[in-house]
Each structure stands twice: as C-alpha cells, then as structure tokens.
Amino acid sequence: RIYCESKFLPVLGDEPFEIDLTGDGQHFTSKEQAGRNYVIKRIGSSSFTCTLHLPSVLLCLAKMDGMLPHTLPATEAFTSKDKAIGRAALDGVRYLLSIGVLDDRLRVVGRAQEIA
C-alpha cells in the first residue's frame, strides 16, 4: 500500500486502502497488478534475470521530461528469482534518485506540498 503522508495513515480500526499515484493507473503496488512491473526470465537451468517497468508518477515536482515511464535493462543473472527482483528494485530506486523523483529520504519530491 502507498501511504504518502501522515494524513493518509490509517487509524486503528480503519479499513486498509490503497492510493494509486502512478500516472498510468497501474497501481504499482497492487496485488491485482500480479507483478507485471517485474519480468523475470530464466537463464539456463538455474539462473534468473529481471527487468523492471517504472510507471510515470503523479504529484511530483521533478521535471521528468520523458524519463518516466521507463523500463530498466535486465539485471545480471542471479541464482534465485527473489535476488533478481531485489536487484531490479534497487536499480529502480537508484534510477528514481538519479532523475530527481526521489529525495535522499526516498520520498517523492514535492508530493507533500502537492497534497497539502
């Protein structure tokens, strides 16, 4: 679930909810997405690579100018799917940091001001 700011945090007893702040409505964290943002490919009999699709982001002050949506290149080969997915996720965070979408606390730049 995506909880952007404290006003979206549920109080004990509240029903859980999800806020979709992707530009293309992909619900990046949604179970309904069935993991389609990660594509795992088997290499040989015991290795896996993973590519990650990063959707565009709403309520962000960063000038993305065509840098999102973006599909990252495949990771190097890993011995497990989990390791390949973990590396793709780390690469995704690094990419979002490099284009200015995330700040040094891994928050979307300007989102707090946009939803205030």
Protein backbone atom coordinates (compact mmCIF):
# COMPACT_ATOMS: atom_id res chain seq x y z
CA ARG A 1 0.00 0.00 0.00
CA ILE A 2 1.13 3.52 -0.67
CA TYR A 3 0.80 5.94 2.24
CA CYS A 4 2.26 9.25 1.17
CA GLU A 5 1.80 11.47 4.18
CA SER A 6 0.58 11.11 7.75
CA LYS A 7 -2.92 12.27 6.88
CA PHE A 8 -3.27 9.09 4.80
CA LEU A 9 -2.13 6.77 7.58
CA PRO A 10 -4.95 4.61 8.84
CA VAL A 11 -6.09 4.82 12.43
CA LEU A 12 -6.57 1.60 14.40
CA GLY A 13 -9.81 0.06 13.18
CA ASP A 14 -9.81 1.77 9.74
CA GLU A 15 -10.19 -0.35 6.66
CA PRO A 16 -6.95 -0.64 4.64
CA PHE A 17 -6.91 1.33 1.41
CA GLU A 18 -4.57 1.96 -1.49
CA ILE A 19 -3.87 5.22 -3.23
CA ASP A 20 -2.74 4.95 -6.86
CA LEU A 21 -0.32 7.76 -7.65
CA THR A 22 1.06 6.28 -10.85
CA GLY A 23 0.47 8.35 -13.96
CA ASP A 24 -0.91 5.45 -15.97
CA GLY A 25 -3.14 3.90 -13.31
CA GLN A 26 -1.05 0.76 -12.96
CA HIS A 27 -1.40 0.54 -9.18
CA PHE A 28 2.29 -0.35 -8.95
CA THR A 29 1.95 -1.98 -5.54
CA SER A 30 -1.42 -3.59 -6.19
CA LYS A 31 -1.85 -7.33 -5.94
CA GLU A 32 -4.21 -7.06 -8.91
CA GLN A 33 -1.21 -5.95 -10.97
CA ALA A 34 0.08 -9.50 -10.45
CA GLY A 35 3.67 -8.36 -10.57
CA ARG A 36 3.58 -7.23 -14.19
CA ASN A 37 6.06 -4.45 -13.42
CA TYR A 38 8.71 -7.12 -12.83
CA VAL A 39 9.50 -9.51 -15.67
CA ILE A 40 11.60 -12.50 -14.66
CA LYS A 41 13.45 -14.52 -17.28
CA ARG A 42 15.08 -17.90 -16.66
CA ILE A 43 18.63 -18.16 -17.97
CA GLY A 44 19.80 -21.74 -18.34
CA SER A 45 18.64 -24.20 -15.72
CA SER A 46 19.28 -22.26 -12.51
CA SER A 47 19.69 -18.52 -13.12
CA PHE A 48 17.25 -15.64 -13.40
CA THR A 49 17.30 -12.05 -14.61
CA CYS A 50 14.68 -9.39 -14.01
CA THR A 51 13.56 -6.23 -15.76
CA LEU A 52 11.51 -3.57 -14.01
CA HIS A 53 8.99 -1.22 -15.57
CA LEU A 54 8.71 2.09 -13.71
CA PRO A 55 5.40 3.86 -14.39
CA SER A 56 5.05 7.62 -14.52
CA VAL A 57 4.48 9.38 -11.20
CA LEU A 58 1.73 11.81 -10.20
CA LEU A 59 2.03 14.64 -7.69
CA CYS A 60 5.77 15.06 -8.15
CA LEU A 61 7.60 18.34 -8.71
CA ALA A 62 10.54 16.74 -10.56
CA LYS A 63 10.83 17.57 -14.26
CA MET A 64 10.77 14.08 -15.74
CA ASP A 65 10.66 15.11 -19.42
CA GLY A 66 10.21 11.66 -20.90
CA MET A 67 12.27 9.80 -18.29
CA LEU A 68 9.16 8.00 -16.98
CA PRO A 69 7.60 5.60 -17.75
CA HIS A 70 10.83 3.68 -18.22
CA THR A 71 11.81 0.01 -18.38
CA LEU A 72 15.21 -0.72 -16.86
CA PRO A 73 17.62 -3.13 -18.53
CA ALA A 74 17.69 -6.70 -17.28
CA THR A 75 19.74 -7.41 -14.17
CA GLU A 76 22.72 -9.70 -14.21
CA ALA A 77 21.92 -13.38 -13.63
CA PHE A 78 21.10 -14.49 -10.07
CA THR A 79 20.57 -17.93 -8.58
CA SER A 80 17.06 -17.09 -7.34
CA LYS A 81 14.07 -15.10 -8.53
CA ASP A 82 13.98 -13.17 -5.25
CA LYS A 83 17.58 -12.00 -5.68
CA ALA A 84 16.91 -10.90 -9.26
CA ILE A 85 13.77 -9.00 -8.18
CA GLY A 86 15.66 -7.43 -5.27
CA ARG A 87 18.39 -6.19 -7.60
CA ALA A 88 15.84 -4.80 -10.06
CA ALA A 89 14.11 -2.98 -7.19
CA LEU A 90 17.42 -1.50 -6.04
CA ASP A 91 18.22 -0.43 -9.61
CA GLY A 92 14.77 1.18 -9.77
CA VAL A 93 15.37 3.20 -6.62
CA ARG A 94 18.78 4.29 -7.93
CA TYR A 95 17.21 5.39 -11.22
CA LEU A 96 14.46 7.37 -9.47
CA LEU A 97 17.09 9.06 -7.30
CA SER A 98 19.24 9.88 -10.34
CA ILE A 99 16.39 11.61 -12.21
CA GLY A 100 15.26 13.51 -9.12
CA VAL A 101 11.92 11.78 -8.49
CA LEU A 102 13.03 10.60 -5.02
CA ASP A 103 14.83 12.71 -2.44
CA ASP A 104 17.57 11.49 -0.10
CA ARG A 105 14.90 10.14 2.29
CA LEU A 106 13.34 8.17 -0.60
CA ARG A 107 10.22 10.33 -0.69
CA VAL A 108 8.68 11.57 -3.93
CA VAL A 109 9.95 15.13 -4.48
CA GLY A 110 7.26 17.70 -3.80
CA ARG A 111 4.45 15.25 -3.10
CA ALA A 112 3.84 16.54 0.43
CA GLN A 113 3.35 20.08 -0.93
CA GLU A 114 1.11 18.86 -3.76
CA ILE A 115 -1.32 17.02 -1.49
CA ALA A 116 -1.31 19.55 1.36
